[in-house]
Amino acid sequence: MIESSIEPKEPNKIYFASDFHLGAPDHHSSRIREDRIVRWLDSIKSDAAEIYLMGDIFDFWFEYKSVIPKGFIRLQGKFAELCDAGIKMVFFRGNHDMWMFDYFTKELGIEIISNELIIERSGKKFYLHHGDGLGPGDLKYKLLKKIFRSKTSQWLFGVMHPDLGYWIANRWSRQSRITSGSEEEFLGEENEWLVSYCKGLLQKEHYDYMIFGHRHLPISLNMRGGARYINLGEWTNFNSYAVFDGSIVDLKHFENPAAQIFPTS
């Protein structure tokens, strides 16, 4: 038997995805989306060194002292498989799953990030954030975010019976952009809040890549000094994600070749 002398490559790619919104708008469509996400994770597990899931993985998530939301078992099983294989996984709290506490850390060793995370890989500097509450505007949400993240709000919700808590959460979730059916549009560089936020960041410090979720559009925009703003989009319409191969970050779509990346011109 002839043996190959070629050494298998070490996993060296970093993947970023956001806004799965599992649980919305209903069980049937969410299960279809969950299967698609699991297929994507299967497709990247051979070369992934790190995976960053950057918020709103679930349309709602609250960890009671001894209760977590039912469902999503296939995705959680895949998370366990990837973590056991030595792939570094990091979750960001989004505006829909900001009440994610320590369950995934204790069970799987997944790191949970509340705000921004700055990393350097292969000589490139990354600024990572879910994206909620940044930039000008959205003052109502910024106030709500402070309230929802307060220990008092978490305690009050935690003493509710889970059935009541999730009933309230599901009613609130129906107001989400992901369930409203409205189409997102690229507003132009001057009117995108996160672009404005990135311009402010770059005045203080250089980043090669500034990567966010929350906006629900896959956006790739070159900025001053060779920096690049990337929004990861979402998985109801776009199935979009980004991958860093050690040289550049590329924004891609999974099982959706007709999907666009904005701006389109």
Protein backbone atom coordinates (compact mmCIF):
# COMPACT_ATOMS: atom_id res chain seq x y z
CA MET A 1 0.00 0.00 0.00
CA ILE A 2 1.33 3.45 -0.95
CA GLU A 3 1.06 5.97 1.86
CA SER A 4 0.76 9.66 1.19
CA SER A 5 3.57 11.84 2.48
CA ILE A 6 1.31 14.90 2.58
CA GLU A 7 0.53 15.94 6.13
CA PRO A 8 -3.11 16.86 6.76
CA LYS A 9 -3.58 20.58 7.29
CA GLU A 10 -4.30 21.84 10.77
CA PRO A 11 -7.65 23.60 11.15
CA ASN A 12 -6.81 27.27 10.65
CA LYS A 13 -9.93 29.17 9.62
CA ILE A 14 -12.08 31.44 11.76
CA TYR A 15 -15.83 31.59 11.11
CA PHE A 16 -18.32 34.28 12.09
CA ALA A 17 -22.12 34.10 11.96
CA SER A 18 -25.02 35.84 13.64
CA ASP A 19 -28.78 36.21 13.96
CA PHE A 20 -30.08 32.66 13.62
CA HIS A 21 -33.18 33.75 15.63
CA LEU A 22 -34.08 30.16 16.40
CA GLY A 23 -37.61 29.92 17.74
CA ALA A 24 -39.02 32.57 15.36
CA PRO A 25 -41.47 32.92 13.84
CA ASP A 26 -42.81 29.42 14.55
CA HIS A 27 -41.61 25.92 15.40
CA HIS A 28 -41.80 24.54 11.84
CA SER A 29 -39.70 27.20 10.10
CA SER A 30 -37.30 27.33 13.03
CA ARG A 31 -36.67 23.57 12.78
CA ILE A 32 -35.90 23.90 9.06
CA ARG A 33 -33.45 26.70 9.86
CA GLU A 34 -31.87 24.69 12.67
CA ASP A 35 -31.19 21.79 10.28
CA ARG A 36 -29.61 24.21 7.81
CA ILE A 37 -27.34 25.67 10.49
CA VAL A 38 -26.28 22.19 11.58
CA ARG A 39 -25.41 21.35 7.96
CA TRP A 40 -23.32 24.52 7.77
CA LEU A 41 -21.48 23.64 10.98
CA ASP A 42 -20.84 20.15 9.59
CA SER A 43 -19.42 21.70 6.42
CA ILE A 44 -16.87 23.84 8.30
CA LYS A 45 -15.84 21.55 11.15
CA SER A 46 -12.85 20.08 9.31
CA ASP A 47 -11.01 23.40 8.89
CA ALA A 48 -12.46 25.56 11.67
CA ALA A 49 -10.09 26.57 14.45
CA GLU A 50 -12.51 29.10 15.96
CA ILE A 51 -16.21 29.88 15.56
CA TYR A 52 -17.75 33.17 16.71
CA LEU A 53 -21.55 33.25 16.92
CA MET A 54 -22.23 36.92 17.35
CA GLY A 55 -25.60 37.28 18.98
CA ASP A 56 -29.30 36.48 18.54
CA ILE A 57 -28.56 32.80 18.14
CA PHE A 58 -31.97 32.32 19.72
CA ASP A 59 -34.96 34.60 19.27
CA PHE A 60 -35.35 34.43 23.03
CA TRP A 61 -33.24 32.79 25.70
CA PHE A 62 -33.45 32.94 29.47
CA GLU A 63 -31.65 30.60 31.84
CA TYR A 64 -33.59 30.02 35.01
CA LYS A 65 -31.69 28.48 37.90
CA SER A 66 -32.58 24.94 36.82
CA VAL A 67 -34.48 25.44 33.53
CA ILE A 68 -33.41 26.33 29.99
CA PRO A 69 -35.63 26.68 26.89
CA LYS A 70 -36.78 23.42 25.35
CA GLY A 71 -35.88 22.65 21.75
CA PHE A 72 -32.78 23.35 19.66
CA ILE A 73 -31.37 19.99 20.77
CA ARG A 74 -29.79 19.20 17.40
CA LEU A 75 -27.87 22.47 17.42
CA GLN A 76 -26.78 22.02 21.01
CA GLY A 77 -25.58 18.52 20.19
CA LYS A 78 -23.54 19.92 17.31
CA PHE A 79 -22.05 22.56 19.63
CA ALA A 80 -20.99 19.77 21.98
CA GLU A 81 -19.40 17.82 19.12
CA LEU A 82 -17.42 20.82 17.90
CA CYS A 83 -16.24 21.80 21.37
CA ASP A 84 -15.22 18.21 22.14
CA ALA A 85 -13.20 18.24 18.91
CA GLY A 86 -11.18 21.17 20.26
CA ILE A 87 -12.75 23.97 18.22
CA LYS A 88 -12.86 27.24 20.15
CA MET A 89 -16.41 28.59 20.29
CA VAL A 90 -17.45 32.05 21.42
CA PHE A 91 -21.03 33.33 21.83
CA PHE A 92 -22.03 36.99 21.95
CA ARG A 93 -25.09 38.11 23.83
CA GLY A 94 -27.46 39.79 21.38
CA ASN A 95 -30.53 41.86 22.10
CA HIS A 96 -32.70 38.73 21.86
CA ASP A 97 -30.53 36.41 23.95
CA MET A 98 -28.93 38.89 26.35
CA TRP A 99 -30.11 36.71 29.24
CA MET A 100 -27.69 33.97 28.27
CA PHE A 101 -25.69 33.32 31.45
CA ASP A 102 -23.35 30.40 32.18
CA TYR A 103 -25.11 27.27 30.92
CA PHE A 104 -23.08 26.93 27.73
CA THR A 105 -19.86 27.80 29.55
CA LYS A 106 -20.37 25.18 32.26
CA GLU A 107 -21.62 22.46 29.93
CA LEU A 108 -19.37 23.03 26.91
CA GLY A 109 -16.68 25.57 27.77
CA ILE A 110 -18.07 28.17 25.37
CA GLU A 111 -16.99 31.72 26.16
CA ILE A 112 -19.82 34.25 26.51
CA ILE A 113 -19.20 37.89 25.51
CA SER A 114 -21.50 40.71 26.62
CA ASN A 115 -20.16 43.67 24.66
CA GLU A 116 -17.15 44.11 22.35
CA LEU A 117 -14.26 41.72 21.87
CA ILE A 118 -10.94 42.73 20.30
CA ILE A 119 -8.72 39.98 18.94
CA GLU A 120 -5.60 39.74 16.78
CA ARG A 121 -5.04 36.86 14.41
CA SER A 122 -2.29 36.48 11.77
CA GLY A 123 -1.33 40.11 12.15
CA LYS A 124 -4.91 41.38 11.63
CA LYS A 125 -6.85 43.26 14.29
CA PHE A 126 -10.57 42.56 14.72
CA TYR A 127 -13.27 44.52 16.51
CA LEU A 128 -16.25 42.25 17.22
CA HIS A 129 -19.67 43.19 18.64
CA HIS A 130 -23.26 42.10 18.13
CA GLY A 131 -24.00 45.68 17.12
CA ASP A 132 -27.06 46.57 19.19
CA GLY A 133 -27.17 50.03 20.73
CA LEU A 134 -24.13 51.35 18.87
CA GLY A 135 -23.89 54.51 16.81
CA PRO A 136 -26.35 57.40 16.68
CA GLY A 137 -30.10 56.93 17.05
CA ASP A 138 -32.18 54.08 18.51
CA LEU A 139 -32.43 55.89 21.85
CA LYS A 140 -35.50 53.91 22.93
CA TYR A 141 -33.67 50.61 22.56
CA LYS A 142 -30.56 51.93 24.33
CA LEU A 143 -32.73 52.72 27.37
CA LEU A 144 -34.44 49.32 27.20
CA LYS A 145 -31.07 47.60 26.97
CA LYS A 146 -29.95 49.18 30.25
CA ILE A 147 -33.19 48.08 31.90
CA PHE A 148 -33.09 44.52 30.56
CA ARG A 149 -29.45 44.04 31.54
CA SER A 150 -30.01 45.23 35.08
CA LYS A 151 -29.78 42.69 37.89
CA THR A 152 -33.23 43.80 39.08
CA SER A 153 -34.90 42.96 35.75
CA GLN A 154 -33.15 39.61 35.59
CA TRP A 155 -34.22 38.77 39.13
CA LEU A 156 -37.84 39.77 38.49
CA PHE A 157 -38.03 37.65 35.36
CA GLY A 158 -36.26 34.80 37.10
CA VAL A 159 -38.88 34.51 39.85
CA MET A 160 -41.68 34.09 37.30
CA HIS A 161 -42.88 30.62 36.40
CA PRO A 162 -41.08 29.68 33.14
CA ASP A 163 -44.38 29.19 31.29
CA LEU A 164 -45.42 32.76 32.08
CA GLY A 165 -41.94 34.11 31.34
CA TYR A 166 -41.80 32.50 27.93
CA TRP A 167 -45.36 33.56 27.10
CA ILE A 168 -44.38 37.18 27.74
CA ALA A 169 -41.14 36.73 25.76
CA ASN A 170 -42.93 35.24 22.76
CA ARG A 171 -45.41 38.12 22.71
CA TRP A 172 -42.51 40.58 22.76
CA SER A 173 -40.62 38.62 20.09
CA ARG A 174 -43.41 39.14 17.56
CA GLN A 175 -42.27 42.76 17.28
CA SER A 176 -38.87 41.60 15.98
CA ARG A 177 -37.77 42.67 12.49
CA ILE A 178 -37.05 39.02 11.71
CA THR A 179 -40.73 38.09 12.18
CA SER A 180 -42.38 41.22 10.78
CA GLY A 181 -41.86 40.28 7.13
CA SER A 182 -40.44 43.70 6.28
CA GLU A 183 -37.46 43.74 3.92
CA GLU A 184 -34.21 45.29 5.08
CA GLU A 185 -32.60 47.87 2.82
CA PHE A 186 -29.09 49.25 2.71
CA LEU A 187 -29.50 52.91 3.67
CA GLY A 188 -26.25 54.21 2.24
CA GLU A 189 -22.94 54.74 3.99
CA GLU A 190 -23.97 58.04 5.57
CA ASN A 191 -27.19 56.65 7.07
CA GLU A 192 -26.01 53.31 8.47
CA TRP A 193 -25.59 53.66 12.25
CA LEU A 194 -22.94 50.98 12.53
CA VAL A 195 -20.91 52.53 9.71
CA SER A 196 -20.98 55.83 11.62
CA TYR A 197 -19.88 53.99 14.74
CA CYS A 198 -16.98 52.39 12.87
CA LYS A 199 -15.83 55.74 11.53
CA GLY A 200 -15.62 56.96 15.12
CA LEU A 201 -13.66 53.86 16.13
CA LEU A 202 -11.14 54.37 13.36
CA GLN A 203 -10.45 57.91 14.47
CA LYS A 204 -9.09 56.49 17.73
CA GLU A 205 -7.52 53.21 16.68
CA HIS A 206 -6.99 51.13 13.55
CA TYR A 207 -8.80 47.86 13.02
CA ASP A 208 -8.44 45.70 9.95
CA TYR A 209 -11.92 44.23 10.35
CA MET A 210 -14.96 45.42 12.28
CA ILE A 211 -17.52 42.63 12.31
CA PHE A 212 -21.09 42.86 13.61
CA GLY A 213 -24.46 41.15 13.54
CA HIS A 214 -27.82 42.75 14.40
CA ARG A 215 -28.31 44.68 11.13
CA HIS A 216 -29.79 41.66 9.29
CA LEU A 217 -28.08 42.57 6.01
CA PRO A 218 -24.84 41.03 4.70
CA ILE A 219 -22.72 44.14 4.19
CA SER A 220 -19.08 44.49 3.18
CA LEU A 221 -17.75 48.05 3.02
CA ASN A 222 -14.21 49.33 2.62
CA MET A 223 -13.28 52.15 4.99
CA ARG A 224 -10.37 54.49 5.66
CA GLY A 225 -6.87 53.12 6.03
CA GLY A 226 -7.70 49.76 4.50
CA ALA A 227 -10.17 48.87 7.25
CA ARG A 228 -13.31 46.94 6.42
CA TYR A 229 -16.78 46.95 7.97
CA ILE A 230 -18.67 43.66 7.75
CA ASN A 231 -22.18 42.84 8.83
CA LEU A 232 -22.97 39.17 8.95
CA GLY A 233 -26.64 39.32 7.92
CA GLU A 234 -29.09 36.68 9.16
CA TRP A 235 -30.24 33.12 8.49
CA THR A 236 -33.89 33.55 7.56
CA ASN A 237 -33.25 35.11 4.16
CA PHE A 238 -29.49 35.16 3.52
CA ASN A 239 -27.73 32.26 5.35
CA SER A 240 -24.68 34.53 5.38
CA TYR A 241 -21.43 34.17 7.29
CA ALA A 242 -17.82 35.33 7.16
CA VAL A 243 -14.59 33.33 7.13
CA PHE A 244 -11.03 34.45 7.82
CA ASP A 245 -8.44 32.27 6.12
CA GLY A 246 -5.40 33.91 7.72
CA SER A 247 -5.18 36.54 5.02
CA ILE A 248 -8.59 38.06 4.29
CA VAL A 249 -12.17 37.92 5.55
CA ASP A 250 -14.67 36.77 2.95
CA LEU A 251 -18.45 37.18 3.29
CA LYS A 252 -20.30 34.14 1.95
CA HIS A 253 -23.72 32.48 1.75
CA PHE A 254 -24.60 28.88 2.57
CA GLU A 255 -27.05 27.05 0.28
CA ASN A 256 -28.24 30.41 -1.07
CA PRO A 257 -26.20 31.33 -4.18
CA ALA A 258 -28.62 34.04 -5.32
CA ALA A 259 -28.36 36.08 -2.11
CA GLN A 260 -26.78 39.52 -2.32
CA ILE A 261 -24.03 41.29 -0.44
CA PHE A 262 -24.55 45.02 0.09
CA PRO A 263 -23.79 47.58 -1.20
CA THR A 264 -24.43 46.03 -4.60
CA SER A 265 -22.52 48.59 -6.66
